N, C-alpha and C. Protein backbone atom coordinates (compact mmCIF):
# COMPACT_ATOMS: atom_id res chain seq x y z
N UNK A 1 47.27 61.31 -16.69
CA UNK A 1 46.84 62.42 -17.51
C UNK A 1 47.42 62.25 -18.91
N UNK A 2 46.59 62.45 -19.91
CA UNK A 2 47.04 62.33 -21.29
C UNK A 2 47.76 63.59 -21.72
N UNK A 3 48.73 63.43 -22.58
CA UNK A 3 49.48 64.56 -23.13
C UNK A 3 49.28 64.58 -24.63
N UNK A 4 49.04 65.77 -25.16
CA UNK A 4 48.89 65.90 -26.60
C UNK A 4 49.89 66.91 -27.12
N UNK A 5 50.27 66.74 -28.37
CA UNK A 5 51.17 67.68 -29.02
C UNK A 5 50.39 68.34 -30.15
N UNK A 6 50.39 69.66 -30.16
CA UNK A 6 49.67 70.41 -31.18
C UNK A 6 50.69 71.02 -32.13
N UNK A 7 50.60 70.69 -33.42
CA UNK A 7 51.55 71.24 -34.38
C UNK A 7 51.46 72.77 -34.42
N UNK A 8 52.61 73.42 -34.58
CA UNK A 8 52.66 74.88 -34.60
C UNK A 8 51.82 75.47 -35.72
N UNK A 9 51.67 74.76 -36.84
CA UNK A 9 50.89 75.30 -37.96
C UNK A 9 49.41 75.42 -37.60
N UNK A 10 48.94 74.72 -36.57
CA UNK A 10 47.55 74.83 -36.13
C UNK A 10 47.35 75.98 -35.14
N UNK A 11 48.44 76.56 -34.67
CA UNK A 11 48.34 77.59 -33.65
C UNK A 11 48.78 78.95 -34.21
N UNK A 12 48.63 79.16 -35.49
CA UNK A 12 49.02 80.43 -36.10
C UNK A 12 48.26 81.57 -35.45
N UNK A 13 48.94 82.62 -35.10
CA UNK A 13 48.33 83.85 -34.59
C UNK A 13 47.36 83.61 -33.44
N UNK A 14 47.65 82.68 -32.56
CA UNK A 14 46.81 82.39 -31.39
C UNK A 14 45.36 82.07 -31.77
N UNK A 15 45.15 81.33 -32.85
CA UNK A 15 43.81 81.02 -33.32
C UNK A 15 43.29 79.67 -32.83
N UNK A 16 43.91 79.06 -31.86
CA UNK A 16 43.48 77.76 -31.37
C UNK A 16 42.50 77.93 -30.22
N UNK A 17 41.37 77.25 -30.32
CA UNK A 17 40.36 77.28 -29.27
C UNK A 17 40.01 75.84 -28.92
N UNK A 18 39.96 75.55 -27.64
CA UNK A 18 39.62 74.20 -27.20
C UNK A 18 38.35 74.29 -26.37
N UNK A 19 37.34 73.52 -26.76
CA UNK A 19 36.05 73.50 -26.07
C UNK A 19 35.66 72.07 -25.74
N UNK A 20 34.91 71.90 -24.68
CA UNK A 20 34.33 70.58 -24.43
C UNK A 20 33.36 70.24 -25.57
N UNK A 21 33.28 68.98 -25.93
CA UNK A 21 32.46 68.55 -27.07
C UNK A 21 31.00 68.98 -26.93
N UNK A 22 30.42 68.87 -25.74
CA UNK A 22 29.02 69.26 -25.56
C UNK A 22 28.81 70.74 -25.85
N UNK A 23 29.74 71.56 -25.39
CA UNK A 23 29.63 73.00 -25.64
C UNK A 23 29.77 73.31 -27.13
N UNK A 24 30.71 72.63 -27.79
CA UNK A 24 30.87 72.80 -29.24
C UNK A 24 29.60 72.42 -29.98
N UNK A 25 29.02 71.29 -29.63
CA UNK A 25 27.80 70.83 -30.30
C UNK A 25 26.64 71.79 -30.06
N UNK A 26 26.57 72.34 -28.85
CA UNK A 26 25.52 73.30 -28.52
C UNK A 26 25.70 74.57 -29.38
N UNK A 27 26.92 75.08 -29.47
CA UNK A 27 27.18 76.26 -30.30
C UNK A 27 26.91 75.97 -31.77
N UNK A 28 27.30 74.79 -32.22
CA UNK A 28 27.08 74.42 -33.62
C UNK A 28 25.59 74.40 -33.94
N UNK A 29 24.79 73.78 -33.07
CA UNK A 29 23.33 73.73 -33.29
C UNK A 29 22.74 75.13 -33.29
N UNK A 30 23.20 75.98 -32.38
CA UNK A 30 22.68 77.35 -32.32
C UNK A 30 22.94 78.09 -33.63
N UNK A 31 24.18 78.08 -34.11
CA UNK A 31 24.52 78.81 -35.33
C UNK A 31 23.93 78.16 -36.56
N UNK A 32 23.77 76.85 -36.56
CA UNK A 32 23.18 76.18 -37.71
C UNK A 32 21.70 76.55 -37.85
N UNK A 33 21.04 76.84 -36.74
CA UNK A 33 19.63 77.18 -36.77
C UNK A 33 19.36 78.68 -36.78
N UNK A 34 20.40 79.47 -36.64
CA UNK A 34 20.22 80.93 -36.62
C UNK A 34 19.76 81.42 -37.99
N UNK A 35 18.87 82.40 -37.96
CA UNK A 35 18.40 82.97 -39.22
C UNK A 35 19.50 83.82 -39.84
N UNK A 36 19.53 83.82 -41.15
CA UNK A 36 20.52 84.67 -41.79
C UNK A 36 20.08 86.12 -41.65
N UNK A 37 21.04 87.01 -41.55
CA UNK A 37 20.77 88.42 -41.35
C UNK A 37 20.53 89.08 -42.70
N UNK A 38 19.51 89.93 -42.76
CA UNK A 38 19.20 90.60 -44.02
C UNK A 38 20.27 91.65 -44.34
N UNK A 39 20.34 92.04 -45.58
CA UNK A 39 21.32 93.04 -46.01
C UNK A 39 21.08 94.36 -45.29
N UNK A 40 19.81 94.70 -45.07
CA UNK A 40 19.47 95.94 -44.39
C UNK A 40 20.00 95.92 -42.95
N UNK A 41 19.83 94.78 -42.28
CA UNK A 41 20.33 94.65 -40.91
C UNK A 41 21.84 94.73 -40.88
N UNK A 42 22.51 94.09 -41.83
CA UNK A 42 23.98 94.15 -41.90
C UNK A 42 24.45 95.59 -42.04
N UNK A 43 23.79 96.36 -42.92
CA UNK A 43 24.19 97.76 -43.12
C UNK A 43 23.97 98.57 -41.86
N UNK A 44 22.87 98.30 -41.14
CA UNK A 44 22.59 99.02 -39.90
C UNK A 44 23.65 98.73 -38.85
N UNK A 45 24.05 97.47 -38.75
CA UNK A 45 25.08 97.08 -37.79
C UNK A 45 26.41 97.74 -38.14
N UNK A 46 26.78 97.70 -39.42
CA UNK A 46 28.02 98.33 -39.87
C UNK A 46 28.01 99.83 -39.58
N UNK A 47 26.86 100.49 -39.81
CA UNK A 47 26.74 101.92 -39.55
C UNK A 47 26.91 102.19 -38.06
N UNK A 48 26.31 101.34 -37.23
CA UNK A 48 26.44 101.50 -35.78
C UNK A 48 27.88 101.37 -35.32
N UNK A 49 28.59 100.36 -35.82
CA UNK A 49 29.99 100.19 -35.47
C UNK A 49 30.82 101.39 -35.90
N UNK A 50 30.53 101.91 -37.08
CA UNK A 50 31.26 103.07 -37.60
C UNK A 50 31.03 104.28 -36.69
N UNK A 51 29.77 104.50 -36.29
CA UNK A 51 29.46 105.64 -35.42
C UNK A 51 30.15 105.51 -34.06
N UNK A 52 30.17 104.30 -33.52
CA UNK A 52 30.84 104.08 -32.24
C UNK A 52 32.32 104.34 -32.38
N UNK A 53 32.92 103.86 -33.45
CA UNK A 53 34.35 104.06 -33.69
C UNK A 53 34.68 105.55 -33.80
N UNK A 54 33.78 106.30 -34.41
CA UNK A 54 34.00 107.74 -34.58
C UNK A 54 33.64 108.53 -33.32
N UNK A 55 33.10 107.86 -32.31
CA UNK A 55 32.75 108.53 -31.06
C UNK A 55 31.37 109.15 -31.08
N UNK A 56 30.54 108.81 -32.05
CA UNK A 56 29.19 109.37 -32.15
C UNK A 56 28.20 108.49 -31.39
N UNK A 57 28.20 108.61 -30.06
CA UNK A 57 27.27 107.84 -29.24
C UNK A 57 27.08 108.56 -27.91
N UNK A 58 26.04 108.20 -27.19
CA UNK A 58 25.77 108.77 -25.87
C UNK A 58 26.20 107.77 -24.81
N UNK A 59 26.75 108.30 -23.72
CA UNK A 59 27.05 107.42 -22.59
C UNK A 59 25.73 107.14 -21.88
N UNK A 60 25.73 106.18 -20.97
CA UNK A 60 24.50 105.85 -20.26
C UNK A 60 23.99 107.05 -19.46
N UNK A 61 24.89 107.82 -18.86
CA UNK A 61 24.47 109.01 -18.10
C UNK A 61 23.87 110.07 -19.03
N UNK A 62 24.48 110.27 -20.20
CA UNK A 62 23.94 111.23 -21.16
C UNK A 62 22.55 110.80 -21.63
N UNK A 63 22.36 109.52 -21.84
CA UNK A 63 21.07 109.02 -22.27
C UNK A 63 20.01 109.22 -21.19
N UNK A 64 20.38 108.94 -19.94
CA UNK A 64 19.45 109.16 -18.82
C UNK A 64 19.05 110.63 -18.73
N UNK A 65 20.02 111.53 -18.87
CA UNK A 65 19.73 112.96 -18.83
C UNK A 65 18.82 113.35 -19.98
N UNK A 66 19.08 112.82 -21.17
CA UNK A 66 18.27 113.16 -22.35
C UNK A 66 16.83 112.66 -22.19
N UNK A 67 16.66 111.53 -21.50
CA UNK A 67 15.34 110.97 -21.28
C UNK A 67 14.67 111.53 -20.03
N UNK A 68 15.42 112.30 -19.25
CA UNK A 68 14.88 112.88 -18.03
C UNK A 68 14.71 111.88 -16.91
N UNK A 69 15.58 110.90 -16.88
CA UNK A 69 15.51 109.87 -15.82
C UNK A 69 16.44 110.19 -14.67
């Protein structure tokens, strides 16, 4: 079994991720081909996160009740 030494400067704040090469290449191709998000979509996502953080959302049971399911 091979042993590697990883310098501490590469592991700052637990930011080290190790992936198999095929998985990395697959993720790279996916993100390289992904469409850029429009400014309107970014604002909508940010608004949604803000509402969730503030507790302004329905639980799944509340949504079912509201829809009469």
